[in-house]
Protein backbone atom coordinates (compact mmCIF):
# COMPACT_ATOMS: atom_id res chain seq x y z
CA MET A 1 1.97 21.96 -30.05
CA SER A 2 0.54 18.55 -29.23
CA LYS A 3 -2.32 18.23 -26.78
CA TYR A 4 0.19 16.02 -24.93
CA ASP A 5 2.85 18.54 -24.07
CA LEU A 6 6.14 16.79 -23.45
CA GLY A 7 7.35 19.69 -21.34
CA ASP A 8 11.04 20.28 -20.82
CA ALA A 9 12.05 16.65 -20.62
CA ASP A 10 15.39 15.66 -22.09
CA PRO A 11 14.82 14.81 -25.82
CA ALA A 12 16.64 11.53 -25.25
CA THR A 13 13.93 10.42 -22.84
CA ARG A 14 10.91 11.95 -24.60
CA THR A 15 9.72 8.66 -26.06
CA LEU A 16 6.09 7.62 -25.96
CA ASP A 17 4.20 4.43 -25.29
CA SER A 18 2.68 2.77 -28.35
CA VAL A 19 -0.93 3.63 -27.49
CA SER A 20 -1.13 6.14 -24.68
CA GLY A 21 1.05 9.13 -25.42
CA ILE A 22 2.67 8.83 -21.98
CA SER A 23 6.24 10.08 -22.01
CA LYS A 24 9.15 8.30 -20.32
CA LYS A 25 11.05 9.82 -17.41
CA GLY A 26 14.61 8.54 -17.54
CA LEU A 27 14.26 5.47 -15.30
CA GLU A 28 16.46 2.48 -16.13
CA SER A 29 14.48 0.02 -18.27
CA GLY A 30 14.62 -3.77 -18.55
CA THR A 31 16.07 -4.42 -15.08
CA VAL A 32 13.23 -6.36 -13.40
CA GLY A 33 11.53 -9.61 -14.50
CA VAL A 34 8.36 -11.31 -13.24
CA MET A 35 10.07 -12.97 -10.28
CA GLY A 36 11.92 -9.81 -9.32
CA ALA A 37 8.73 -7.74 -9.49
CA LEU A 38 6.85 -10.40 -7.50
CA VAL A 39 9.51 -10.39 -4.77
CA ILE A 40 9.49 -6.60 -4.55
CA GLY A 41 5.68 -6.69 -4.38
CA LEU A 42 5.77 -9.23 -1.54
CA SER A 43 8.30 -7.06 0.22
CA VAL A 44 6.05 -4.00 0.00
CA CYS A 45 3.04 -5.96 1.28
CA ALA A 46 5.31 -7.43 3.99
CA PRO A 47 3.10 -10.32 5.19
CA ALA A 48 4.82 -10.68 8.57
CA TYR A 49 4.62 -6.99 9.45
CA THR A 50 1.16 -6.51 7.92
CA LEU A 51 -0.50 -9.31 9.84
CA THR A 52 0.92 -8.40 13.24
CA SER A 53 -0.39 -4.85 12.69
CA ALA A 54 -3.79 -5.69 11.23
CA ILE A 55 -5.15 -8.81 12.92
CA GLY A 56 -5.72 -7.04 16.25
CA PRO A 57 -7.69 -4.05 14.83
CA ALA A 58 -9.64 -6.39 12.52
CA ALA A 59 -10.54 -8.78 15.35
CA SER A 60 -11.65 -5.84 17.53
CA GLU A 61 -14.24 -5.03 14.85
CA VAL A 62 -15.46 -8.42 13.64
CA GLY A 63 -14.22 -11.01 16.18
CA TYR A 64 -14.20 -14.58 14.89
CA GLN A 65 -15.09 -13.34 11.39
CA THR A 66 -11.56 -11.96 10.96
CA PRO A 67 -10.72 -14.59 8.29
CA ALA A 68 -13.98 -13.68 6.50
CA ILE A 69 -13.16 -9.98 6.49
CA PHE A 70 -9.69 -10.69 5.07
CA LEU A 71 -11.37 -12.78 2.39
CA MET A 72 -13.86 -9.99 1.66
CA GLY A 73 -11.02 -7.47 1.52
CA PHE A 74 -9.54 -9.58 -1.26
CA LEU A 75 -12.62 -9.25 -3.49
CA PRO A 76 -12.46 -5.47 -4.10
CA MET A 77 -8.69 -5.82 -4.42
CA LEU A 78 -9.19 -8.42 -7.14
CA LEU A 79 -11.70 -6.22 -8.96
CA VAL A 80 -9.38 -3.22 -8.68
CA ALA A 81 -6.41 -5.31 -9.82
CA ILE A 82 -8.31 -6.23 -12.99
CA GLY A 83 -8.86 -2.53 -13.72
CA TYR A 84 -5.23 -1.72 -12.90
CA ARG A 85 -4.08 -4.39 -15.33
CA ALA A 86 -6.21 -2.95 -18.15
CA LEU A 87 -5.01 0.60 -17.50
CA ASN A 88 -1.39 -0.49 -17.20
CA THR A 89 -1.58 -2.33 -20.50
CA ALA A 90 -3.00 0.75 -22.22
CA MET A 91 -0.92 3.37 -20.39
CA PRO A 92 2.14 1.98 -18.59
CA ASP A 93 3.42 4.85 -16.47
CA SER A 94 5.15 5.24 -13.12
CA GLY A 95 2.41 7.68 -12.06
CA THR A 96 -0.27 4.92 -12.12
CA SER A 97 -3.28 6.31 -10.19
CA PHE A 98 -2.31 9.93 -10.83
CA THR A 99 -1.73 9.51 -14.54
CA TRP A 100 -4.70 7.23 -15.23
CA ALA A 101 -7.22 9.26 -13.23
CA THR A 102 -5.98 12.45 -14.92
CA ARG A 103 -6.52 11.03 -18.38
CA ALA A 104 -9.94 9.59 -17.46
CA PHE A 105 -11.40 12.32 -15.22
CA GLY A 106 -9.17 15.36 -15.64
CA PRO A 107 -6.29 17.01 -13.77
CA TRP A 108 -8.12 17.86 -10.52
CA ILE A 109 -9.33 14.35 -9.72
CA GLY A 110 -6.07 12.92 -11.05
CA TRP A 111 -4.06 15.14 -8.72
CA MET A 112 -6.10 14.01 -5.70
CA ALA A 113 -5.71 10.35 -6.69
CA GLY A 114 -1.95 10.84 -6.74
CA TRP A 115 -2.13 12.65 -3.41
CA GLY A 116 -4.16 9.79 -1.92
CA LEU A 117 -1.42 7.33 -2.88
CA ILE A 118 1.29 9.56 -1.44
CA ALA A 119 -0.65 10.16 1.80
CA ALA A 120 -1.27 6.42 2.23
CA THR A 121 2.41 5.72 1.78
CA VAL A 122 3.44 8.34 4.34
CA LEU A 123 1.12 6.65 6.84
CA VAL A 124 2.42 3.16 6.16
CA LEU A 125 6.08 4.18 6.12
CA SER A 126 5.68 5.65 9.58
CA ASN A 127 3.89 2.51 10.75
CA LEU A 128 6.52 0.22 9.27
CA ALA A 129 9.29 2.07 11.07
CA GLY A 130 7.37 1.86 14.35
CA ILE A 131 6.92 -1.92 14.03
CA ALA A 132 10.61 -2.33 13.12
CA VAL A 133 11.63 -0.47 16.28
CA GLU A 134 9.47 -2.66 18.53
CA PHE A 135 10.74 -5.92 17.07
CA LEU A 136 14.35 -4.76 17.08
CA PHE A 137 14.24 -4.36 20.84
CA GLN A 138 12.21 -7.54 21.27
CA SER A 139 14.77 -9.51 19.25
CA ILE A 140 17.61 -8.09 21.34
CA ALA A 141 15.67 -8.92 24.52
CA ILE A 142 15.24 -12.54 23.44
CA ILE A 143 18.91 -12.92 22.49
CA ALA A 144 20.09 -11.28 25.71
CA ASP A 145 17.44 -13.11 27.79
CA ASN A 146 16.48 -9.78 29.34
CA PRO A 147 12.78 -8.83 28.91
CA ASP A 148 13.47 -5.30 30.15
CA ILE A 149 15.26 -4.47 26.91
CA ALA A 150 11.99 -4.85 24.99
CA LEU A 151 10.51 -2.06 27.11
CA LEU A 152 12.97 0.45 25.63
CA SER A 153 10.75 0.73 22.54
CA GLY A 154 8.19 2.43 24.79
CA ASN A 155 10.54 5.35 25.42
CA LYS A 156 9.36 7.97 22.92
CA PHE A 157 12.76 9.57 22.37
CA ILE A 158 14.57 6.25 21.87
CA ASN A 159 11.73 5.00 19.70
CA ILE A 160 11.78 8.03 17.41
CA ALA A 161 15.59 8.09 17.15
CA VAL A 162 15.79 4.43 16.12
CA CYS A 163 12.84 4.89 13.77
CA LEU A 164 14.62 7.72 11.96
CA GLY A 165 17.68 5.50 11.70
CA PHE A 166 15.65 2.77 9.98
CA MET A 167 14.18 5.30 7.58
CA ALA A 168 17.63 6.64 6.71
CA VAL A 169 19.07 3.18 5.97
CA ALA A 170 16.06 2.14 3.86
CA THR A 171 16.14 5.41 1.92
CA PHE A 172 19.83 4.94 1.17
CA ILE A 173 19.21 1.43 -0.20
CA SER A 174 16.40 2.70 -2.47
CA TYR A 175 18.62 5.62 -3.52
CA ARG A 176 21.12 3.08 -4.86
CA GLY A 177 18.59 2.02 -7.49
CA MET A 178 16.25 -0.84 -8.40
CA THR A 179 18.94 -3.53 -8.83
CA SER A 180 20.33 -3.23 -5.30
CA THR A 181 16.77 -3.03 -3.99
CA LYS A 182 15.83 -6.27 -5.76
CA ILE A 183 18.74 -8.23 -4.32
CA PHE A 184 17.97 -7.02 -0.80
CA GLN A 185 14.30 -8.03 -1.19
CA TYR A 186 15.03 -11.60 -2.34
CA ILE A 187 16.84 -12.39 0.88
CA THR A 188 14.30 -10.87 3.24
CA VAL A 189 11.14 -12.10 1.47
CA PHE A 190 12.07 -15.77 1.40
CA PHE A 191 13.04 -15.68 5.08
CA GLN A 192 9.84 -14.03 6.29
CA VAL A 193 7.52 -16.22 4.18
CA ALA A 194 9.19 -19.40 5.45
CA VAL A 195 8.91 -18.27 9.09
CA MET A 196 5.27 -17.19 8.67
CA LEU A 197 4.33 -20.61 7.28
CA TRP A 198 6.06 -22.19 10.28
CA PHE A 199 4.27 -19.84 12.69
CA ALA A 200 0.81 -20.41 11.18
CA THR A 201 1.27 -24.18 11.29
CA ALA A 202 2.36 -23.99 14.94
CA MET A 203 -0.74 -21.93 15.81
CA PHE A 204 -3.09 -24.50 14.23
CA ILE A 205 -1.35 -27.24 16.20
CA GLY A 206 -1.50 -25.15 19.38
CA ALA A 207 -5.21 -24.47 18.91
CA ALA A 208 -5.88 -28.22 19.21
CA ASP A 209 -3.80 -28.53 22.41
CA PRO A 210 -6.13 -29.19 25.39
CA ALA A 211 -3.82 -27.09 27.58
CA ASN A 212 -4.72 -24.01 25.50
CA THR A 213 -8.04 -22.99 27.06
CA GLU A 214 -8.54 -20.16 24.53
CA GLY A 215 -7.95 -22.40 21.52
CA ARG A 216 -10.78 -23.40 19.19
CA MET A 217 -10.87 -25.44 16.03
CA PRO A 218 -11.75 -23.32 12.97
CA GLU A 219 -15.42 -23.15 12.01
CA LEU A 220 -17.05 -22.41 8.67
CA SER A 221 -18.84 -19.41 10.22
CA TRP A 222 -15.46 -17.70 10.60
CA PHE A 223 -15.35 -17.41 6.80
CA ASN A 224 -18.90 -16.06 6.48
CA PRO A 225 -19.01 -12.23 6.24
CA LEU A 226 -22.80 -12.29 6.85
CA GLU A 227 -22.04 -13.21 10.47
CA VAL A 228 -20.55 -9.73 11.08
CA SER A 229 -22.78 -7.83 13.51
CA SER A 230 -23.29 -4.52 11.64
CA PHE A 231 -22.41 -2.68 8.43
CA SER A 232 -20.24 -0.21 10.38
CA ALA A 233 -18.22 -3.09 11.80
CA PHE A 234 -18.08 -4.65 8.34
CA ALA A 235 -16.86 -1.37 6.74
CA ALA A 236 -14.24 -0.86 9.47
CA GLY A 237 -13.06 -4.44 9.07
CA ILE A 238 -12.88 -4.05 5.29
CA ALA A 239 -10.79 -0.88 5.66
CA VAL A 240 -8.32 -2.77 7.85
CA SER A 241 -8.28 -5.83 5.58
CA ILE A 242 -7.68 -3.66 2.54
CA PHE A 243 -4.60 -2.38 4.32
CA VAL A 244 -3.13 -5.89 4.37
CA TYR A 245 -3.41 -6.14 0.59
CA TRP A 246 -2.20 -2.60 0.03
CA GLY A 247 1.07 -2.32 -1.84
CA TRP A 248 0.60 -4.82 -4.65
CA ASP A 249 0.15 -1.93 -7.07
CA THR A 250 3.75 -0.87 -6.40
CA VAL A 251 4.64 -3.55 -8.95
CA LEU A 252 2.77 -1.56 -11.60
CA THR A 253 4.69 1.64 -10.84
CA MET A 254 7.76 -0.21 -12.17
CA GLY A 255 6.26 -0.56 -15.65
CA GLU A 256 9.00 1.56 -17.16
CA GLU A 257 11.70 -0.56 -15.49
CA THR A 258 10.46 -4.13 -16.05
CA LYS A 259 11.59 -6.42 -18.85
CA LYS A 260 9.46 -6.56 -21.96
CA SER A 261 6.96 -9.42 -21.90
CA LYS A 262 6.77 -11.91 -24.78
CA GLY A 263 3.00 -12.33 -24.39
CA ARG A 264 0.03 -9.96 -24.44
CA VAL A 265 0.14 -9.37 -20.69
CA SER A 266 2.98 -7.17 -19.45
CA THR A 267 5.61 -8.39 -17.01
CA GLU A 268 4.40 -6.16 -14.20
CA SER A 269 0.76 -7.12 -14.74
CA LYS A 270 1.61 -10.83 -14.51
CA ALA A 271 3.51 -10.24 -11.28
CA ALA A 272 0.67 -8.16 -9.81
CA MET A 273 -2.00 -10.82 -10.42
CA ILE A 274 0.19 -13.63 -9.04
CA LEU A 275 0.96 -11.49 -6.01
CA VAL A 276 -2.70 -10.84 -5.17
CA LEU A 277 -3.49 -14.58 -5.27
CA ILE A 278 -0.53 -15.45 -3.01
CA LEU A 279 -1.56 -12.81 -0.51
CA VAL A 280 -5.17 -13.94 -0.12
CA VAL A 281 -4.11 -17.53 0.68
CA MET A 282 -1.48 -16.42 3.17
CA TYR A 283 -3.60 -13.78 4.90
CA VAL A 284 -6.83 -15.75 5.27
CA GLY A 285 -4.92 -18.83 6.43
CA THR A 286 -2.85 -16.94 9.01
CA ALA A 287 -5.89 -15.02 10.26
CA ALA A 288 -7.75 -18.29 10.81
CA ALA A 289 -4.75 -19.78 12.62
CA THR A 290 -4.39 -16.73 14.89
CA VAL A 291 -8.08 -16.62 15.83
CA ALA A 292 -8.06 -20.38 16.44
CA TYR A 293 -5.05 -20.20 18.74
CA ALA A 294 -5.63 -16.94 20.63
CA GLY A 295 -9.41 -16.55 20.62
CA ILE A 296 -11.05 -13.14 20.92
CA GLY A 297 -10.96 -12.82 24.71
CA ASP A 298 -9.05 -10.21 26.69
CA GLY A 299 -6.44 -12.52 28.21
CA PRO A 300 -2.66 -12.00 27.85
CA THR A 301 -2.68 -13.31 24.27
CA GLY A 302 -6.38 -12.81 23.41
CA LEU A 303 -7.23 -10.72 20.38
CA GLY A 304 -9.71 -8.77 22.50
CA ASN A 305 -6.86 -7.45 24.63
CA SER A 306 -6.37 -3.82 23.57
CA ASP A 307 -2.82 -3.83 24.98
CA ILE A 308 -1.64 -6.23 22.28
CA ALA A 309 -3.97 -5.23 19.43
CA GLU A 310 -1.46 -3.14 17.49
CA ASN A 311 1.25 -5.81 17.61
CA VAL A 312 -0.35 -9.22 18.13
CA PHE A 313 2.58 -11.43 17.14
CA ALA A 314 4.81 -9.84 19.77
CA ALA A 315 2.49 -11.35 22.41
CA LEU A 316 2.06 -14.68 20.59
CA ALA A 317 5.66 -15.33 19.55
CA HIS A 318 6.90 -17.08 22.70
CA PRO A 319 3.69 -18.95 23.62
CA VAL A 320 3.44 -20.37 20.10
CA MET A 321 7.07 -20.96 19.14
CA GLY A 322 8.88 -21.19 22.46
CA PRO A 323 12.67 -20.80 22.07
CA ALA A 324 12.20 -20.38 18.33
CA ALA A 325 10.33 -17.11 18.93
CA ILE A 326 13.49 -15.27 17.94
CA PHE A 327 12.93 -16.33 14.34
CA LEU A 328 9.46 -14.75 14.28
CA SER A 329 10.80 -11.54 15.81
CA LEU A 330 13.60 -11.40 13.25
CA ALA A 331 11.16 -12.21 10.42
CA ILE A 332 8.90 -9.30 11.35
CA LEU A 333 11.90 -7.04 11.89
CA VAL A 334 13.38 -7.73 8.44
CA SER A 335 9.87 -7.66 6.95
CA ALA A 336 9.33 -4.13 8.23
CA MET A 337 12.84 -3.00 7.28
CA ALA A 338 12.56 -4.41 3.76
CA SER A 339 9.11 -2.94 3.33
CA ILE A 340 10.30 0.53 4.36
CA ASN A 341 12.82 0.25 1.56
CA SER A 342 10.49 -1.10 -1.12
CA THR A 343 7.41 0.89 -0.11
CA ALA A 344 9.34 4.07 -0.86
CA ILE A 345 9.35 2.99 -4.53
CA SER A 346 5.69 3.88 -5.04
CA PRO A 347 5.49 7.47 -3.73
CA ALA A 348 8.85 8.34 -5.24
CA ARG A 349 7.67 7.28 -8.69
CA THR A 350 4.29 8.96 -8.27
CA LEU A 351 6.00 12.19 -7.24
CA LEU A 352 8.36 11.75 -10.19
CA ALA A 353 5.43 11.45 -12.61
CA MET A 354 3.54 14.37 -11.07
CA SER A 355 6.63 16.53 -11.36
CA HIS A 356 7.40 15.28 -14.88
CA TYR A 357 3.95 16.31 -16.10
CA GLY A 358 4.03 19.66 -14.30
CA ALA A 359 1.55 18.88 -11.49
CA ILE A 360 4.13 19.68 -8.78
CA PRO A 361 7.46 21.58 -8.82
CA ALA A 362 9.88 20.50 -11.55
CA SER A 363 12.79 20.13 -9.09
CA ILE A 364 11.25 16.91 -7.73
CA LYS A 365 11.63 14.97 -11.01
CA LYS A 366 15.42 14.72 -10.95
CA ILE A 367 16.88 11.26 -11.72
CA HIS A 368 20.28 10.28 -10.31
CA PRO A 369 22.70 10.05 -13.27
CA LYS A 370 24.40 6.88 -11.96
CA HIS A 371 21.78 4.97 -9.96
CA LYS A 372 18.80 6.00 -12.13
CA SER A 373 16.64 6.52 -9.04
CA PRO A 374 14.24 9.46 -8.50
CA TYR A 375 16.32 10.54 -5.53
CA VAL A 376 14.72 13.93 -4.81
CA ALA A 377 11.22 12.40 -4.69
CA LEU A 378 12.59 9.55 -2.59
CA PHE A 379 14.21 11.84 -0.03
CA LEU A 380 11.11 14.03 0.13
CA SER A 381 8.73 11.14 0.88
CA SER A 382 11.13 9.70 3.47
CA ILE A 383 11.52 13.01 5.31
CA VAL A 384 7.77 13.67 5.41
CA ALA A 385 7.07 10.16 6.70
CA SER A 386 9.72 10.55 9.42
CA VAL A 387 8.33 13.87 10.61
CA PHE A 388 4.78 12.49 10.59
CA TYR A 389 5.78 9.50 12.72
CA ALA A 390 7.61 11.69 15.24
CA ILE A 391 4.56 13.94 15.65
CA MET A 392 2.12 11.03 15.88
CA ARG A 393 4.25 9.23 18.47
CA PHE A 394 3.76 12.18 20.83
CA ILE A 395 0.05 12.64 20.06
CA SER A 396 -1.12 9.01 20.33
CA GLU A 397 -0.08 6.23 22.66
CA ASP A 398 -1.46 3.77 20.10
CA VAL A 399 -0.01 5.41 17.03
CA LEU A 400 0.39 2.13 15.13
CA TRP A 401 -3.25 1.13 15.51
CA ASP A 402 -4.55 4.58 14.57
CA THR A 403 -2.37 4.95 11.48
CA ILE A 404 -3.42 1.50 10.22
CA THR A 405 -7.10 2.48 10.30
CA ALA A 406 -6.41 5.87 8.69
CA LEU A 407 -4.29 4.16 6.04
CA GLY A 408 -7.22 1.91 5.12
CA MET A 409 -9.31 5.03 4.48
CA MET A 410 -6.68 6.56 2.18
CA VAL A 411 -6.25 3.31 0.26
CA CYS A 412 -10.02 3.01 -0.30
CA PHE A 413 -10.02 6.59 -1.59
CA TYR A 414 -7.36 6.36 -4.27
CA TYR A 415 -7.95 2.71 -5.23
CA GLY A 416 -11.63 3.55 -5.71
CA ILE A 417 -10.86 6.48 -8.01
CA THR A 418 -8.35 4.42 -10.00
CA ALA A 419 -10.75 1.50 -10.49
CA LEU A 420 -13.47 3.86 -11.72
CA ALA A 421 -10.92 5.41 -14.08
CA SER A 422 -10.77 2.05 -15.88
CA THR A 423 -14.56 1.99 -16.21
CA TRP A 424 -14.69 5.51 -17.64
CA TYR A 425 -11.61 5.30 -19.85
CA PHE A 426 -12.72 2.07 -21.59
CA ARG A 427 -16.48 2.78 -21.60
CA LYS A 428 -16.64 3.32 -25.38
CA GLN A 429 -13.88 1.00 -26.58
CA ALA A 430 -14.76 -2.10 -24.53
CA PRO A 431 -18.22 -2.75 -26.09
CA ARG A 432 -16.55 -2.93 -29.53
CA GLU A 433 -14.18 -5.62 -28.28
CA GLY A 434 -16.84 -7.94 -26.85
CA PHE A 435 -18.40 -8.90 -23.53
CA GLY A 436 -15.08 -10.08 -22.07
CA SER A 437 -13.61 -6.60 -22.37
CA VAL A 438 -16.76 -4.99 -21.00
CA LEU A 439 -16.60 -7.30 -17.98
CA SER A 440 -12.86 -6.92 -17.27
CA LYS A 441 -12.38 -3.27 -18.16
CA VAL A 442 -15.71 -1.68 -17.21
CA ILE A 443 -18.04 -3.73 -15.00
CA LEU A 444 -15.71 -5.47 -12.54
CA PRO A 445 -13.40 -2.47 -11.90
CA GLY A 446 -16.50 -0.27 -11.55
CA LEU A 447 -17.97 -2.54 -8.88
CA GLY A 448 -14.68 -2.64 -7.01
CA GLY A 449 -14.29 1.13 -7.18
CA LEU A 450 -17.83 1.83 -5.95
CA LEU A 451 -17.45 -0.63 -3.06
CA LEU A 452 -14.20 0.97 -1.94
CA LEU A 453 -15.59 4.50 -2.08
CA VAL A 454 -18.64 3.42 -0.04
CA VAL A 455 -16.31 1.88 2.54
CA PHE A 456 -14.24 5.09 2.51
CA VAL A 457 -17.26 7.28 3.26
CA GLN A 458 -18.66 4.95 5.94
CA THR A 459 -15.29 4.51 7.65
CA THR A 460 -14.61 8.25 7.61
CA ILE A 461 -17.95 8.97 9.30
CA ASP A 462 -17.47 6.22 11.90
CA SER A 463 -13.86 7.18 12.62
CA LEU A 464 -14.90 10.64 13.85
CA ASP A 465 -16.33 8.90 16.90
CA PRO A 466 -13.88 9.43 19.81
CA ALA A 467 -14.08 5.69 20.53
CA ALA A 468 -12.89 4.77 17.02
CA GLY A 469 -9.60 2.96 16.59
CA SER A 470 -7.58 2.97 19.79
CA GLY A 471 -9.90 5.56 21.38
CA SER A 472 -7.43 8.42 20.96
CA ASN A 473 -9.16 11.73 20.27
CA ILE A 474 -8.63 15.47 20.10
CA ALA A 475 -11.40 17.70 21.45
CA GLY A 476 -13.79 14.77 21.38
CA ILE A 477 -13.16 13.93 17.72
CA GLY A 478 -11.61 10.57 16.87
CA LEU A 479 -7.94 10.82 15.98
CA VAL A 480 -8.35 8.34 13.11
CA GLY A 481 -11.00 10.53 11.48
CA LEU A 482 -8.91 13.64 12.01
CA ILE A 483 -5.90 12.02 10.36
CA GLY A 484 -7.95 11.10 7.29
CA ILE A 485 -9.68 14.48 6.98
CA VAL A 486 -6.50 16.48 7.58
CA MET A 487 -4.61 14.39 5.04
CA LEU A 488 -7.21 14.93 2.32
CA GLY A 489 -7.73 18.57 3.27
CA LEU A 490 -4.00 19.20 3.05
CA GLY A 491 -4.04 17.65 -0.41
CA VAL A 492 -6.81 20.02 -1.54
CA VAL A 493 -4.92 23.05 -0.20
CA LEU A 494 -1.65 22.02 -1.88
CA MET A 495 -3.50 21.34 -5.13
CA LEU A 496 -5.09 24.80 -5.14
CA ILE A 497 -1.72 26.42 -4.42
CA GLN A 498 0.01 24.41 -7.14
CA SER A 499 -2.70 25.30 -9.66
CA ARG A 500 -1.50 28.90 -9.43
CA PHE A 501 2.03 27.87 -10.39
CA SER A 502 1.18 25.11 -12.92
CA PRO A 503 -1.88 26.42 -14.79
CA ARG A 504 -1.08 24.47 -17.95
CA PHE A 505 -1.41 21.10 -16.18
CA PHE A 506 -4.63 22.07 -14.44
CA LYS A 507 -6.10 23.36 -17.72
CA GLY A 508 -5.53 19.93 -19.26
CA GLN A 509 -2.80 21.12 -21.62
CA VAL A 510 -0.18 18.56 -20.49
CA LEU A 511 -2.19 15.36 -19.95
CA SER A 512 -5.57 15.91 -21.54
CA THR A 513 -8.73 14.00 -20.67
CA THR A 514 -9.59 11.30 -23.19
CA ASP A 515 -10.85 7.75 -23.52
CA ALA A 516 -9.43 4.62 -25.11
CA THR A 517 -11.40 5.10 -28.33
CA ASN A 518 -10.21 8.66 -28.92
CA ASP A 519 -6.61 8.18 -27.80
CA THR A 520 -4.15 9.37 -30.43
CA SER A 521 -1.44 7.07 -31.73
CA ALA A 522 2.01 7.33 -30.23
CA MET A 523 3.87 8.21 -33.39
CA GLU A 524 1.59 11.15 -34.12
CA LEU A 525 2.02 12.40 -30.58
CA PHE A 526 5.75 11.87 -30.64
CA ASP A 527 6.24 13.71 -33.92
CA ASP A 528 3.88 16.50 -32.90
CA GLY A 529 5.56 16.83 -29.51
CA LEU A 530 9.03 17.20 -31.02
CA ASP A 531 7.86 19.56 -33.75
CA GLY A 532 6.11 21.74 -31.16
């Protein structure tokens, strides 16, 4: 038997990548090109939704340095993206963080990396649905010229019911497969990007209007992270800013479904790098425009107003755009709806890979025979996210703000592990290839991974303060910290339970620990796997 046990996969799908020994899982291949992957990536990141959720919490931590903190959040993302690209080139697999960390560090750390990705996605799916509910009622209120309609989103029972409806629709679209998902994303992405450019331009113009007493022209100090008052504030701001970039790696989970690239860099890797660059320009620019227009005071539209912190653009839409505010509301609404749909891609494919390699129950790895979607994993992640949102809506009045901060912690955790996996996996091979490989595969990902894990630890400690996040707490312990600790603790418990049922995976007999130098060739693994 090969050290890479191919399990009970269908022989027709038990093919292996040319260098990694990673087995395929039955997903439909060759359906997504660079542009399609880029659009899906933009949809997951959802610029309109992301910014309205994140600018308030970020400004509450770092004030006028919000553009700087979004710029700083880009740097570890860039370093991590470089490591992701190297790992994806060597081992393209829908399990991404789970698979790569398993092969670099072993099954226990790999399992927790996969869990971190799944936990982060559950948090963001619940947040996306909450934002979609608020902007649905706001859009209806604008169209009907009745502000009272917008208040319906504050009713917990109505809010949860509509939220579950959004989740059901988005899950159904993803269930139909990658092709229908791609078409849906093209329409929504172009609309939201166009409206966001319009909105940011209007805010810069409004900031220069003498009638806007809160408005200020942008200053260079806003882009200087050294102006942030303390390391705790810096770490909290970084955790929030990392949230805005979160989701670009979803593109890499589609490695088995993208079209084959003609060059050395894979289709999904090209799309991922282009996506990260687009995001940093859009996020830093919009953050600067928002701070310039609204200021950091506690007025009706000020970023220091805790009542608008979790949904800033809802307060700014009409003052900035006047009658055209409906377009911003609709842009954020479709942004959140589309992102619910596309965000579900990542956990479903991670769960698929974990099940395929025996890390979780085998029943989760089923692929729909017609739509070629991992429908069991998709339904599971959607149901868990829906239940989580319903519970959180009753626990916290500021559920959106608290889940954003907790999400940043989870993202730092699994991104950090994945980046370090690149450093460890290529540590012996890269020096033989030259300094360029050492820099791109070992040094830069290692720096990014260490930075993110430091931010994770610092943010976790700070978030236990009852004043952290929105100020929600249980027994004097910050709700944000509790969410993060409970999420990771639950992962440890489930891992220990699963190790009793899947001993072969946890003994390294399915995906064994190795490095790039010692990796066995695909044909040897394929032949050995079939003979075994």
